[in-house]
Amino acid sequence: MRFVVSAHSRSEQNAVFLLNRQNQFKQAAMSAKASGNIELAKKYLRMAKVIVVAFTFIASQSVK
């Protein structure tokens, strides 16, 4: 049996995935900062910001 995922629920799934990934990067940044690795913390925060851009793009596509 195959399930077909509607575009709306696919958008919601993508949004949940991106928000979870963003939280993972933020937590990794806090861990890196706590261990004294500021450069790695900055890298993780930049990656989290890229996810914000992706999330915004996905949200704008689901509005159309």
PDB file of N, CA and C in Angstrom:
ATOM      1  N   MET A   1       0.835  -1.169   0.000  1.00  0.00           N
ATOM      2  CA  MET A   1       0.000   0.000   0.000  1.00  0.00           C
ATOM      3  C   MET A   1       0.885   1.240   0.000  1.00  0.00           C
ATOM      4  N   ARG A   2       0.583   2.195  -0.870  1.00  0.00           N
ATOM      5  CA  ARG A   2       1.320   3.454  -0.945  1.00  0.00           C
ATOM      6  C   ARG A   2       0.475   4.586  -0.416  1.00  0.00           C
ATOM      7  N   PHE A   3       1.108   5.444   0.341  1.00  0.00           N
ATOM      8  CA  PHE A   3       0.409   6.615   0.849  1.00  0.00           C
ATOM      9  C   PHE A   3       0.861   7.827   0.058  1.00  0.00           C
ATOM     10  N   VAL A   4      -0.067   8.664  -0.292  1.00  0.00           N
ATOM     11  CA  VAL A   4       0.240   9.897  -0.999  1.00  0.00           C
ATOM     12  C   VAL A   4       0.157  11.033   0.008  1.00  0.00           C
ATOM     13  N   VAL A   5       1.225  11.803   0.081  1.00  0.00           N
ATOM     14  CA  VAL A   5       1.272  12.926   1.012  1.00  0.00           C
ATOM     15  C   VAL A   5       0.852  14.173   0.262  1.00  0.00           C
ATOM     16  N   SER A   6      -0.119  14.873   0.791  1.00  0.00           N
ATOM     17  CA  SER A   6      -0.578  16.087   0.129  1.00  0.00           C
ATOM     18  C   SER A   6       0.495  17.169   0.229  1.00  0.00           C
ATOM     19  N   ALA A   7       0.393  18.162  -0.640  1.00  0.00           N
ATOM     20  CA  ALA A   7       1.378  19.249  -0.646  1.00  0.00           C
ATOM     21  C   ALA A   7       1.342  20.019   0.668  1.00  0.00           C
ATOM     22  N   HIS A   8       0.151  20.192   1.216  1.00  0.00           N
ATOM     23  CA  HIS A   8       0.025  20.948   2.467  1.00  0.00           C
ATOM     24  C   HIS A   8       0.729  20.218   3.605  1.00  0.00           C
ATOM     25  N   SER A   9       0.465  18.943   3.756  1.00  0.00           N
ATOM     26  CA  SER A   9       1.104  18.218   4.854  1.00  0.00           C
ATOM     27  C   SER A   9       2.603  18.062   4.608  1.00  0.00           C
ATOM     28  N   ARG A  10       3.010  18.005   3.356  1.00  0.00           N
ATOM     29  CA  ARG A  10       4.438  17.936   3.048  1.00  0.00           C
ATOM     30  C   ARG A  10       5.118  19.227   3.483  1.00  0.00           C
ATOM     31  N   SER A  11       4.465  20.356   3.248  1.00  0.00           N
ATOM     32  CA  SER A  11       5.015  21.642   3.682  1.00  0.00           C
ATOM     33  C   SER A  11       5.130  21.692   5.195  1.00  0.00           C
ATOM     34  N   GLU A  12       4.105  21.184   5.865  1.00  0.00           N
ATOM     35  CA  GLU A  12       4.152  21.159   7.328  1.00  0.00           C
ATOM     36  C   GLU A  12       5.270  20.255   7.818  1.00  0.00           C
ATOM     37  N   GLN A  13       5.444  19.109   7.168  1.00  0.00           N
ATOM     38  CA  GLN A  13       6.515  18.189   7.558  1.00  0.00           C
ATOM     39  C   GLN A  13       7.877  18.840   7.355  1.00  0.00           C
ATOM     40  N   ASN A  14       8.042  19.535   6.238  1.00  0.00           N
ATOM     41  CA  ASN A  14       9.309  20.227   5.978  1.00  0.00           C
ATOM     42  C   ASN A  14       9.569  21.305   7.022  1.00  0.00           C
ATOM     43  N   ALA A  15       8.529  22.033   7.386  1.00  0.00           N
ATOM     44  CA  ALA A  15       8.682  23.088   8.383  1.00  0.00           C
ATOM     45  C   ALA A  15       9.095  22.506   9.732  1.00  0.00           C
ATOM     46  N   VAL A  16       8.455  21.426  10.137  1.00  0.00           N
ATOM     47  CA  VAL A  16       8.800  20.787  11.407  1.00  0.00           C
ATOM     48  C   VAL A  16      10.234  20.280  11.362  1.00  0.00           C
ATOM     49  N   PHE A  17      10.624  19.658  10.247  1.00  0.00           N
ATOM     50  CA  PHE A  17      11.990  19.156  10.101  1.00  0.00           C
ATOM     51  C   PHE A  17      12.997  20.297  10.220  1.00  0.00           C
ATOM     52  N   LEU A  18      12.733  21.406   9.518  1.00  0.00           N
ATOM     53  CA  LEU A  18      13.672  22.533   9.538  1.00  0.00           C
ATOM     54  C   LEU A  18      13.769  23.165  10.918  1.00  0.00           C
ATOM     55  N   LEU A  19      12.652  23.299  11.602  1.00  0.00           N
ATOM     56  CA  LEU A  19      12.690  23.880  12.938  1.00  0.00           C
ATOM     57  C   LEU A  19      13.438  22.972  13.910  1.00  0.00           C
ATOM     58  N   ASN A  20      13.246  21.666  13.780  1.00  0.00           N
ATOM     59  CA  ASN A  20      13.992  20.726  14.627  1.00  0.00           C
ATOM     60  C   ASN A  20      15.485  20.806  14.339  1.00  0.00           C
ATOM     61  N   ARG A  21      15.830  20.881  13.069  1.00  0.00           N
ATOM     62  CA  ARG A  21      17.246  20.969  12.687  1.00  0.00           C
ATOM     63  C   ARG A  21      17.852  22.272  13.207  1.00  0.00           C
ATOM     64  N   GLN A  22      17.088  23.347  13.113  1.00  0.00           N
ATOM     65  CA  GLN A  22      17.575  24.628  13.614  1.00  0.00           C
ATOM     66  C   GLN A  22      17.862  24.537  15.115  1.00  0.00           C
ATOM     67  N   ASN A  23      16.965  23.922  15.851  1.00  0.00           N
ATOM     68  CA  ASN A  23      17.185  23.758  17.290  1.00  0.00           C
ATOM     69  C   ASN A  23      18.416  22.907  17.573  1.00  0.00           C
ATOM     70  N   GLN A  24      18.658  21.882  16.755  1.00  0.00           N
ATOM     71  CA  GLN A  24      19.851  21.054  16.927  1.00  0.00           C
ATOM     72  C   GLN A  24      21.116  21.885  16.745  1.00  0.00           C
ATOM     73  N   PHE A  25      21.122  22.747  15.725  1.00  0.00           N
ATOM     74  CA  PHE A  25      22.295  23.591  15.496  1.00  0.00           C
ATOM     75  C   PHE A  25      22.487  24.592  16.630  1.00  0.00           C
ATOM     76  N   LYS A  26      21.391  25.136  17.148  1.00  0.00           N
ATOM     77  CA  LYS A  26      21.506  26.074  18.265  1.00  0.00           C
ATOM     78  C   LYS A  26      22.059  25.373  19.504  1.00  0.00           C
ATOM     79  N   GLN A  27      21.590  24.158  19.771  1.00  0.00           N
ATOM     80  CA  GLN A  27      22.105  23.408  20.911  1.00  0.00           C
ATOM     81  C   GLN A  27      23.574  23.068  20.719  1.00  0.00           C
ATOM     82  N   ALA A  28      23.941  22.705  19.490  1.00  0.00           N
ATOM     83  CA  ALA A  28      25.343  22.405  19.207  1.00  0.00           C
ATOM     84  C   ALA A  28      26.203  23.653  19.403  1.00  0.00           C
ATOM     85  N   ALA A  29      25.677  24.809  19.032  1.00  0.00           N
ATOM     86  CA  ALA A  29      26.408  26.066  19.215  1.00  0.00           C
ATOM     87  C   ALA A  29      26.625  26.350  20.697  1.00  0.00           C
ATOM     88  N   MET A  30      25.595  26.127  21.494  1.00  0.00           N
ATOM     89  CA  MET A  30      25.741  26.358  22.934  1.00  0.00           C
ATOM     90  C   MET A  30      26.761  25.398  23.544  1.00  0.00           C
ATOM     91  N   SER A  31      26.765  24.149  23.091  1.00  0.00           N
ATOM     92  CA  SER A  31      27.738  23.175  23.592  1.00  0.00           C
ATOM     93  C   SER A  31      29.157  23.562  23.193  1.00  0.00           C
ATOM     94  N   ALA A  32      29.303  23.988  21.941  1.00  0.00           N
ATOM     95  CA  ALA A  32      30.627  24.389  21.463  1.00  0.00           C
ATOM     96  C   ALA A  32      31.130  25.605  22.243  1.00  0.00           C
ATOM     97  N   LYS A  33      30.236  26.560  22.499  1.00  0.00           N
ATOM     98  CA  LYS A  33      30.620  27.746  23.261  1.00  0.00           C
ATOM     99  C   LYS A  33      31.017  27.368  24.687  1.00  0.00           C
ATOM    100  N   ALA A  34      30.245  26.470  25.284  1.00  0.00           N
ATOM    101  CA  ALA A  34      30.536  26.050  26.656  1.00  0.00           C
ATOM    102  C   ALA A  34      31.889  25.357  26.760  1.00  0.00           C
ATOM    103  N   SER A  35      32.279  24.669  25.684  1.00  0.00           N
ATOM    104  CA  SER A  35      33.571  23.977  25.698  1.00  0.00           C
ATOM    105  C   SER A  35      34.716  24.881  25.250  1.00  0.00           C
ATOM    106  N   GLY A  36      34.374  26.153  24.931  1.00  0.00           N
ATOM    107  CA  GLY A  36      35.412  27.113  24.574  1.00  0.00           C
ATOM    108  C   GLY A  36      35.718  27.209  23.091  1.00  0.00           C
ATOM    109  N   ASN A  37      34.982  26.505  22.268  1.00  0.00           N
ATOM    110  CA  ASN A  37      35.227  26.530  20.828  1.00  0.00           C
ATOM    111  C   ASN A  37      34.292  27.546  20.176  1.00  0.00           C
ATOM    112  N   ILE A  38      34.674  28.800  20.251  1.00  0.00           N
ATOM    113  CA  ILE A  38      33.825  29.894  19.778  1.00  0.00           C
ATOM    114  C   ILE A  38      33.647  29.854  18.263  1.00  0.00           C
ATOM    115  N   GLU A  39      34.697  29.523  17.537  1.00  0.00           N
ATOM    116  CA  GLU A  39      34.591  29.477  16.075  1.00  0.00           C
ATOM    117  C   GLU A  39      33.573  28.422  15.624  1.00  0.00           C
ATOM    118  N   LEU A  40      33.584  27.271  16.264  1.00  0.00           N
ATOM    119  CA  LEU A  40      32.611  26.221  15.927  1.00  0.00           C
ATOM    120  C   LEU A  40      31.199  26.674  16.308  1.00  0.00           C
ATOM    121  N   ALA A  41      31.072  27.367  17.428  1.00  0.00           N
ATOM    122  CA  ALA A  41      29.768  27.893  17.842  1.00  0.00           C
ATOM    123  C   ALA A  41      29.233  28.869  16.797  1.00  0.00           C
ATOM    124  N   LYS A  42      30.090  29.736  16.292  1.00  0.00           N
ATOM    125  CA  LYS A  42      29.686  30.676  15.239  1.00  0.00           C
ATOM    126  C   LYS A  42      29.237  29.939  13.982  1.00  0.00           C
ATOM    127  N   LYS A  43      29.963  28.889  13.632  1.00  0.00           N
ATOM    128  CA  LYS A  43      29.618  28.099  12.450  1.00  0.00           C
ATOM    129  C   LYS A  43      28.224  27.494  12.598  1.00  0.00           C
ATOM    130  N   TYR A  44      27.948  26.929  13.772  1.00  0.00           N
ATOM    131  CA  TYR A  44      26.627  26.332  14.012  1.00  0.00           C
ATOM    132  C   TYR A  44      25.532  27.389  13.968  1.00  0.00           C
ATOM    133  N   LEU A  45      25.797  28.570  14.503  1.00  0.00           N
ATOM    134  CA  LEU A  45      24.786  29.626  14.470  1.00  0.00           C
ATOM    135  C   LEU A  45      24.519  30.106  13.046  1.00  0.00           C
ATOM    136  N   ARG A  46      25.568  30.177  12.231  1.00  0.00           N
ATOM    137  CA  ARG A  46      25.370  30.546  10.827  1.00  0.00           C
ATOM    138  C   ARG A  46      24.505  29.508  10.121  1.00  0.00           C
ATOM    139  N   MET A  47      24.742  28.238  10.425  1.00  0.00           N
ATOM    140  CA  MET A  47      23.945  27.176   9.813  1.00  0.00           C
ATOM    141  C   MET A  47      22.483  27.282  10.256  1.00  0.00           C
ATOM    142  N   ALA A  48      22.263  27.638  11.506  1.00  0.00           N
ATOM    143  CA  ALA A  48      20.894  27.810  12.002  1.00  0.00           C
ATOM    144  C   ALA A  48      20.205  28.962  11.279  1.00  0.00           C
ATOM    145  N   LYS A  49      20.947  30.018  10.973  1.00  0.00           N
ATOM    146  CA  LYS A  49      20.369  31.154  10.259  1.00  0.00           C
ATOM    147  C   LYS A  49      20.008  30.785   8.825  1.00  0.00           C
ATOM    148  N   VAL A  50      20.788  29.933   8.192  1.00  0.00           N
ATOM    149  CA  VAL A  50      20.469  29.466   6.835  1.00  0.00           C
ATOM    150  C   VAL A  50      19.131  28.739   6.847  1.00  0.00           C
ATOM    151  N   ILE A  51      18.877  28.013   7.911  1.00  0.00           N
ATOM    152  CA  ILE A  51      17.616  27.289   8.018  1.00  0.00           C
ATOM    153  C   ILE A  51      16.447  28.264   8.115  1.00  0.00           C
ATOM    154  N   VAL A  52      16.642  29.399   8.764  1.00  0.00           N
ATOM    155  CA  VAL A  52      15.596  30.417   8.826  1.00  0.00           C
ATOM    156  C   VAL A  52      15.245  30.877   7.417  1.00  0.00           C
ATOM    157  N   VAL A  53      16.252  31.077   6.593  1.00  0.00           N
ATOM    158  CA  VAL A  53      16.020  31.495   5.209  1.00  0.00           C
ATOM    159  C   VAL A  53      15.257  30.408   4.454  1.00  0.00           C
ATOM    160  N   ALA A  54      15.659  29.153   4.624  1.00  0.00           N
ATOM    161  CA  ALA A  54      14.972  28.046   3.963  1.00  0.00           C
ATOM    162  C   ALA A  54      13.533  27.950   4.439  1.00  0.00           C
ATOM    163  N   PHE A  55      13.320  28.114   5.729  1.00  0.00           N
ATOM    164  CA  PHE A  55      11.979  28.048   6.296  1.00  0.00           C
ATOM    165  C   PHE A  55      11.106  29.156   5.707  1.00  0.00           C
ATOM    166  N   THR A  56      11.654  30.360   5.604  1.00  0.00           N
ATOM    167  CA  THR A  56      10.923  31.489   5.035  1.00  0.00           C
ATOM    168  C   THR A  56      10.555  31.206   3.579  1.00  0.00           C
ATOM    169  N   PHE A  57      11.478  30.624   2.833  1.00  0.00           N
ATOM    170  CA  PHE A  57      11.212  30.289   1.433  1.00  0.00           C
ATOM    171  C   PHE A  57      10.084  29.273   1.337  1.00  0.00           C
ATOM    172  N   ILE A  58      10.135  28.236   2.149  1.00  0.00           N
ATOM    173  CA  ILE A  58       9.097  27.201   2.121  1.00  0.00           C
ATOM    174  C   ILE A  58       7.749  27.792   2.497  1.00  0.00           C
ATOM    175  N   ALA A  59       7.743  28.637   3.506  1.00  0.00           N
ATOM    176  CA  ALA A  59       6.493  29.274   3.933  1.00  0.00           C
ATOM    177  C   ALA A  59       5.916  30.142   2.816  1.00  0.00           C
ATOM    178  N   SER A  60       6.769  30.842   2.094  1.00  0.00           N
ATOM    179  CA  SER A  60       6.275  31.702   1.012  1.00  0.00           C
ATOM    180  C   SER A  60       5.748  30.868  -0.149  1.00  0.00           C
ATOM    181  N   GLN A  61       6.301  29.691  -0.366  1.00  0.00           N
ATOM    182  CA  GLN A  61       5.831  28.820  -1.432  1.00  0.00           C
ATOM    183  C   GLN A  61       4.478  28.210  -1.109  1.00  0.00           C
ATOM    184  N   SER A  62       4.203  27.941   0.162  1.00  0.00           N
ATOM    185  CA  SER A  62       2.932  27.317   0.535  1.00  0.00           C
ATOM    186  C   SER A  62       1.795  28.319   0.504  1.00  0.00           C
ATOM    187  N   VAL A  63       2.100  29.616   0.498  1.00  0.00           N
ATOM    188  CA  VAL A  63       1.074  30.656   0.468  1.00  0.00           C
ATOM    189  C   VAL A  63       0.505  30.798  -0.934  1.00  0.00           C
ATOM    190  N   LYS A  64       1.316  30.558  -1.943  1.00  0.00           N
ATOM    191  CA  LYS A  64       0.886  30.764  -3.344  1.00  0.00           C
ATOM    192  C   LYS A  64      -0.214  29.843  -3.742  1.00  0.00           C
TER     193      LYS A  64
END
